[in-house]
Amino acid sequence: MKVTNILLAACVLTIGFAMPHPVKAQDRKEQMAEMLKNSTPEQRAKMQTQMMKTKLNLDSLTGLKVYDINLVAAKKMDPLLKGNSGKLAMFREMKSIDSEKDKSLKVVLTAEQYKQYEAAKEEMKEKMKEKMQERKAKG
């Protein structure tokens, strides 16, 4: 399955690094999904904003604007993460929310920052593809 939501990927990767010990791939996937379900939109927005501040070298004002944008998106994503809707419908809705978020970020970030943001999203997408291919090869 092709994962098209970079926000979800960022959360999963970030939470994955925080896990203290190695676990089976399926267990890890379930634990990360559970952590996402148990996190608040505010926690996810804060985590995403912190990552963006570091990668994009955001000033304080831009950081606050980015947090607000991330929070709006995280609040819209919350029912999807905590719900039981079909995966295809869920990913379509997540992609739509992510697209709205990108449009808002494009207004707030400089051209160079937005370019770096897009590059980081693409890099994360590639990492997720690699991880998925590794999982398919193993099992």
Protein backbone atom coordinates (compact mmCIF):
# COMPACT_ATOMS: atom_id res chain seq x y z
CA MET A 1 0.00 0.00 0.00
CA LYS A 2 1.34 3.42 -0.92
CA VAL A 3 1.32 5.88 1.96
CA THR A 4 0.53 9.35 0.70
CA ASN A 5 0.26 11.23 3.95
CA ILE A 6 3.51 12.84 5.00
CA LEU A 7 2.03 14.09 8.25
CA LEU A 8 1.24 10.58 9.34
CA ALA A 9 4.65 9.41 8.18
CA ALA A 10 6.38 12.16 10.16
CA CYS A 11 4.49 11.21 13.30
CA VAL A 12 5.21 7.53 12.86
CA LEU A 13 8.92 8.11 12.20
CA THR A 14 9.30 10.51 15.10
CA ILE A 15 7.50 8.24 17.52
CA GLY A 16 9.46 5.28 16.17
CA PHE A 17 12.75 6.88 17.18
CA ALA A 18 11.44 7.40 20.69
CA MET A 19 10.75 3.72 21.29
CA PRO A 20 13.26 2.38 23.82
CA HIS A 21 13.75 -1.20 22.66
CA PRO A 22 13.48 -3.25 19.48
CA VAL A 23 10.22 -5.06 18.90
CA LYS A 24 8.73 -7.11 16.10
CA ALA A 25 7.64 -5.07 13.09
CA GLN A 26 3.93 -5.81 13.59
CA ASP A 27 4.12 -5.02 17.30
CA ARG A 28 5.97 -1.79 16.55
CA LYS A 29 3.39 -0.77 13.95
CA GLU A 30 0.58 -1.42 16.43
CA GLN A 31 2.38 0.48 19.19
CA MET A 32 2.99 3.50 16.95
CA ALA A 33 -0.63 3.50 15.81
CA GLU A 34 -1.71 3.34 19.45
CA MET A 35 0.61 6.23 20.38
CA LEU A 36 -0.85 8.33 17.56
CA LYS A 37 -4.38 7.53 18.73
CA ASN A 38 -3.48 8.47 22.30
CA SER A 39 -1.74 11.74 21.42
CA THR A 40 -3.62 15.00 21.29
CA PRO A 41 -3.72 17.28 18.24
CA GLU A 42 -1.77 19.81 20.30
CA GLN A 43 0.98 17.27 21.01
CA ARG A 44 1.23 16.29 17.33
CA ALA A 45 1.24 19.95 16.19
CA LYS A 46 3.94 20.82 18.71
CA MET A 47 6.09 17.87 17.61
CA GLN A 48 5.68 18.71 13.92
CA THR A 49 6.39 22.39 14.49
CA GLN A 50 9.53 21.60 16.48
CA MET A 51 10.81 19.40 13.64
CA MET A 52 10.04 22.15 11.13
CA LYS A 53 11.72 24.84 13.27
CA THR A 54 14.88 22.77 13.27
CA LYS A 55 14.86 21.78 9.60
CA LEU A 56 13.69 25.12 8.20
CA ASN A 57 15.36 27.47 10.69
CA LEU A 58 12.10 29.27 11.50
CA ASP A 59 12.05 32.52 13.47
CA SER A 60 9.69 32.89 16.46
CA LEU A 61 6.86 34.59 14.58
CA THR A 62 6.93 32.14 11.69
CA GLY A 63 7.15 29.27 14.20
CA LEU A 64 3.93 30.46 15.85
CA LYS A 65 2.16 30.71 12.49
CA VAL A 66 3.40 27.25 11.50
CA TYR A 67 2.19 25.84 14.84
CA ASP A 68 -1.28 27.29 14.20
CA ILE A 69 -1.37 25.71 10.73
CA ASN A 70 -0.15 22.37 12.09
CA LEU A 71 -2.73 22.51 14.89
CA VAL A 72 -5.61 23.11 12.46
CA ALA A 73 -4.45 20.13 10.38
CA ALA A 74 -3.91 17.94 13.46
CA LYS A 75 -7.41 18.71 14.73
CA LYS A 76 -8.88 17.75 11.34
CA MET A 77 -6.79 14.55 11.34
CA ASP A 78 -7.76 13.56 14.87
CA PRO A 79 -11.09 11.87 14.05
CA LEU A 80 -9.40 10.00 11.20
CA LEU A 81 -6.61 8.70 13.43
CA LYS A 82 -9.03 7.68 16.16
CA GLY A 83 -11.81 6.41 13.92
CA ASN A 84 -12.40 3.10 12.21
CA SER A 85 -13.12 4.26 8.68
CA GLY A 86 -11.76 2.40 5.68
CA LYS A 87 -8.08 2.89 4.92
CA LEU A 88 -8.59 4.20 1.39
CA ALA A 89 -11.16 6.79 2.48
CA MET A 90 -8.98 7.73 5.44
CA PHE A 91 -5.89 8.27 3.28
CA ARG A 92 -7.85 10.32 0.74
CA GLU A 93 -9.11 12.60 3.50
CA MET A 94 -5.63 12.83 5.04
CA LYS A 95 -4.19 13.74 1.66
CA SER A 96 -6.80 16.48 1.29
CA ILE A 97 -5.99 17.87 4.75
CA ASP A 98 -2.28 17.72 3.99
CA SER A 99 -2.85 19.59 0.72
CA GLU A 100 -4.74 22.36 2.56
CA LYS A 101 -1.92 22.54 5.09
CA ASP A 102 0.67 22.87 2.32
CA LYS A 103 -1.25 25.77 0.77
CA SER A 104 -1.30 27.56 4.12
CA LEU A 105 2.39 26.90 4.73
CA LYS A 106 3.29 28.24 1.30
CA VAL A 107 1.88 31.62 2.34
CA VAL A 108 3.77 31.69 5.67
CA LEU A 109 7.16 30.24 4.68
CA THR A 110 9.72 31.94 2.48
CA ALA A 111 10.25 30.44 -0.97
CA GLU A 112 13.49 28.81 0.22
CA GLN A 113 11.88 27.42 3.38
CA TYR A 114 8.98 26.00 1.40
CA LYS A 115 11.42 24.39 -1.01
CA GLN A 116 13.24 22.80 1.96
CA TYR A 117 9.88 21.70 3.40
CA GLU A 118 8.94 19.98 0.14
CA ALA A 119 12.36 18.30 -0.04
CA ALA A 120 11.97 17.02 3.54
CA LYS A 121 8.50 15.66 2.71
CA GLU A 122 9.87 13.88 -0.34
CA GLU A 123 12.76 12.45 1.68
CA MET A 124 10.32 11.16 4.30
CA LYS A 125 8.14 9.65 1.59
CA GLU A 126 11.14 7.81 0.16
CA LYS A 127 12.11 6.49 3.61
CA MET A 128 8.58 5.19 4.10
CA LYS A 129 8.68 3.46 0.69
CA GLU A 130 12.00 1.84 1.60
CA LYS A 131 10.65 0.63 4.94
CA MET A 132 7.55 -0.78 3.26
CA GLN A 133 9.68 -2.60 0.68
CA GLU A 134 11.86 -4.02 3.45
CA ARG A 135 8.75 -5.29 5.26
CA LYS A 136 7.44 -6.92 2.08
CA ALA A 137 10.79 -8.59 1.47
CA LYS A 138 10.92 -9.98 5.02
CA GLY A 139 7.38 -11.26 5.19
